[in-house]
Protein backbone atom coordinates (compact mmCIF):
# COMPACT_ATOMS: atom_id res chain seq x y z
CA MET A 1 52.68 -106.63 31.73
CA LEU A 2 54.83 -107.54 28.73
CA ASN A 3 56.03 -103.93 28.41
CA THR A 4 57.11 -103.94 32.05
CA VAL A 5 59.10 -107.13 31.60
CA LEU A 6 60.74 -105.82 28.42
CA ALA A 7 61.60 -102.54 30.16
CA LYS A 8 63.22 -104.47 33.01
CA VAL A 9 65.30 -106.55 30.60
CA PHE A 10 66.23 -103.98 27.96
CA GLY A 11 65.55 -100.71 29.75
CA THR A 12 63.17 -97.98 28.70
CA SER A 13 63.82 -95.93 25.58
CA ASN A 14 64.94 -93.03 27.79
CA GLU A 15 67.41 -95.25 29.66
CA ARG A 16 68.83 -96.50 26.37
CA ALA A 17 69.15 -92.93 25.06
CA VAL A 18 70.97 -91.82 28.22
CA LYS A 19 73.28 -94.84 28.02
CA ARG A 20 74.07 -94.00 24.39
CA LEU A 21 74.95 -90.39 25.33
CA LEU A 22 77.17 -91.22 28.33
CA PRO A 23 80.41 -91.50 26.28
CA THR A 24 79.80 -88.04 24.80
CA VAL A 25 79.11 -86.63 28.25
CA ALA A 26 82.36 -88.17 29.49
CA GLN A 27 84.29 -86.56 26.61
CA ILE A 28 82.78 -83.16 27.35
CA ASN A 29 83.39 -83.50 31.10
CA ALA A 30 87.03 -84.42 30.43
CA LEU A 31 87.50 -80.94 28.92
CA GLU A 32 86.34 -79.16 32.07
CA PRO A 33 89.73 -78.94 33.87
CA ASP A 34 91.33 -77.38 30.78
CA ILE A 35 88.58 -74.76 30.54
CA HIS A 36 88.79 -73.92 34.26
CA ALA A 37 92.54 -73.36 33.90
CA LEU A 38 92.04 -70.60 31.29
CA SER A 39 92.29 -66.95 32.23
CA ASP A 40 89.41 -64.60 31.41
CA GLU A 41 91.20 -63.36 28.29
CA GLN A 42 91.99 -66.89 27.12
CA LEU A 43 88.37 -67.89 27.72
CA ARG A 44 87.17 -64.96 25.59
CA ALA A 45 89.52 -66.08 22.80
CA LYS A 46 88.30 -69.68 23.15
CA THR A 47 84.70 -68.49 22.91
CA ALA A 48 85.52 -66.65 19.68
CA GLU A 49 87.18 -69.82 18.38
CA PHE A 50 84.06 -71.88 19.21
CA ARG A 51 81.84 -69.35 17.46
CA GLN A 52 84.03 -69.57 14.36
CA ARG A 53 83.88 -73.39 14.44
CA VAL A 54 80.10 -73.31 14.60
CA LEU A 55 79.91 -70.75 11.79
CA ASP A 56 82.29 -72.84 9.66
CA SER A 57 80.24 -75.97 10.34
CA VAL A 58 77.00 -74.26 9.40
CA LEU A 59 78.55 -72.89 6.21
CA VAL A 60 79.90 -76.31 5.23
CA HIS A 61 76.53 -77.88 5.95
CA GLU A 62 74.71 -75.29 3.85
CA VAL A 63 77.13 -75.66 0.93
CA ALA A 64 76.67 -79.42 1.14
CA HIS A 65 72.88 -78.88 1.07
CA LEU A 66 73.15 -76.71 -2.03
CA THR A 67 75.28 -79.35 -3.74
CA TYR A 68 73.46 -82.48 -2.50
CA PRO A 69 69.99 -81.58 -1.16
CA ASP A 70 69.04 -85.24 -0.61
CA HIS A 71 71.44 -86.05 2.29
CA SER A 72 73.02 -88.76 0.17
CA ARG A 73 76.38 -90.36 0.90
CA ALA A 74 77.99 -87.68 -1.23
CA PHE A 75 76.42 -85.04 1.06
CA HIS A 76 77.95 -86.65 4.13
CA ARG A 77 81.34 -87.03 2.42
CA LEU A 78 81.34 -83.34 1.52
CA ALA A 79 80.18 -82.21 4.97
CA GLY A 80 82.63 -84.57 6.65
CA ALA A 81 85.54 -83.31 4.55
CA TYR A 82 85.74 -80.26 6.80
CA PRO A 83 88.02 -81.46 9.62
CA ARG A 84 86.31 -79.49 12.40
CA HIS A 85 82.77 -80.38 11.34
CA ASP A 86 82.40 -83.06 14.03
CA ASP A 87 83.92 -80.78 16.68
CA ALA A 88 81.35 -78.12 15.91
CA GLY A 89 78.61 -80.73 16.01
CA LEU A 90 79.72 -81.83 19.48
CA PHE A 91 79.84 -78.19 20.56
CA LEU A 92 76.29 -77.65 19.33
CA ALA A 93 75.13 -80.90 20.94
CA GLY A 94 76.60 -79.71 24.24
CA TYR A 95 74.19 -76.80 24.13
CA GLY A 96 71.23 -78.99 23.20
CA LEU A 97 71.43 -77.87 19.60
CA GLY A 98 71.80 -80.25 16.74
CA LEU A 99 70.07 -81.47 13.64
CA SER A 100 66.77 -81.90 15.48
CA ASN A 101 67.12 -78.63 17.44
CA PRO A 102 68.13 -75.80 15.11
CA VAL A 103 69.97 -72.73 16.35
CA PRO A 104 67.39 -70.10 17.44
């Protein structure tokens, strides 16, 4: 009974998770018209660019792990120093891959 009332007031954990992700979904959806406007050749080039971003992000993350294996603030400063690190993270998150879901 109490759980039902709390869920009505605050929402379920799934509803809160979806609400937290909606801004990211909006950002990704805003990119759709630009992607649709690309020719096949431009899309192939963009795909290669995305792959390079992901590879760069993974390399930066691994170097940061070798330097600071404890995920300290210094680790996050080093990983965040790469300007495209967040972009690659969003790209991976868009495919359901992230820190909790490693690349297969």
